Amino acid sequence: MKIIKQGKLPETRTHQCTCRECATVFEFEQREAKFVFDQRDGDFLQINCPVCGAQCAKAASKGKTP
């Protein structure tokens, strides 16, 4: 077998988020966040801000579940 282009495992993908409470911009790996299934509004990743602890959410990639 020959790999033409190597991808990334879903849990190693990085995401960027801005906290609504303290405006901290931070980056996290998908495995650090909680995947939340939401049939109505769309699935999202939920993680706490490393500065103030507020919950931050980021839309999950379409068609990709961790």
Protein backbone atom coordinates (compact mmCIF):
# COMPACT_ATOMS: atom_id res chain seq x y z
CA MET A 1 0.00 0.00 0.00
CA LYS A 2 1.22 3.50 -0.81
CA ILE A 3 0.13 6.65 1.00
CA ILE A 4 -0.36 9.52 -1.45
CA LYS A 5 -1.16 12.20 1.14
CA GLN A 6 -1.14 11.55 4.87
CA GLY A 7 -4.01 13.04 6.83
CA LYS A 8 -4.45 13.72 10.52
CA LEU A 9 -6.28 11.59 13.02
CA PRO A 10 -9.46 13.36 14.21
CA GLU A 11 -8.23 13.60 17.78
CA THR A 12 -5.05 15.45 16.71
CA ARG A 13 -6.85 18.15 14.71
CA THR A 14 -6.44 21.60 16.21
CA HIS A 15 -9.16 24.21 16.61
CA GLN A 16 -9.10 27.85 17.62
CA CYS A 17 -11.68 29.48 19.87
CA THR A 18 -12.31 32.92 21.38
CA CYS A 19 -13.79 33.13 24.86
CA ARG A 20 -16.91 35.31 25.04
CA GLU A 21 -16.24 36.25 28.67
CA CYS A 22 -12.57 37.33 28.71
CA ALA A 23 -11.76 37.49 24.96
CA THR A 24 -8.88 35.01 25.28
CA VAL A 25 -8.00 33.37 21.97
CA PHE A 26 -6.72 29.82 22.45
CA GLU A 27 -6.00 26.71 20.44
CA PHE A 28 -6.88 23.15 21.46
CA GLU A 29 -6.75 19.64 20.08
CA GLN A 30 -10.05 17.93 19.35
CA ARG A 31 -9.35 15.22 21.95
CA GLU A 32 -9.21 17.89 24.69
CA ALA A 33 -12.81 18.99 24.06
CA LYS A 34 -16.12 17.27 24.67
CA PHE A 35 -18.06 16.36 21.49
CA VAL A 36 -21.73 17.32 21.87
CA PHE A 37 -24.30 15.86 19.48
CA ASP A 38 -27.02 18.37 18.56
CA GLN A 39 -29.41 17.28 15.84
CA ARG A 40 -31.18 20.63 15.66
CA ASP A 41 -28.35 23.19 15.69
CA GLY A 42 -25.44 20.99 14.61
CA ASP A 43 -22.76 19.13 16.54
CA PHE A 44 -20.17 21.14 18.42
CA LEU A 45 -17.05 20.87 20.55
CA GLN A 46 -17.24 22.20 24.09
CA ILE A 47 -14.21 23.22 26.16
CA ASN A 48 -13.52 25.48 29.13
CA CYS A 49 -11.47 28.64 28.70
CA PRO A 50 -7.98 28.14 30.21
CA VAL A 51 -8.04 31.67 31.71
CA CYS A 52 -11.50 32.25 33.20
CA GLY A 53 -13.05 28.77 32.99
CA ALA A 54 -16.12 29.83 30.99
CA GLN A 55 -17.54 27.28 28.56
CA CYS A 56 -16.58 27.86 24.94
CA ALA A 57 -18.15 26.11 21.96
CA LYS A 58 -16.96 25.57 18.40
CA ALA A 59 -18.93 23.99 15.58
CA ALA A 60 -17.69 20.49 14.76
CA SER A 61 -16.65 19.70 11.20
CA LYS A 62 -19.55 18.42 9.13
CA GLY A 63 -19.66 14.66 8.70
CA LYS A 64 -16.81 14.04 11.12
CA THR A 65 -17.45 12.60 14.55
CA PRO A 66 -14.62 11.99 16.97
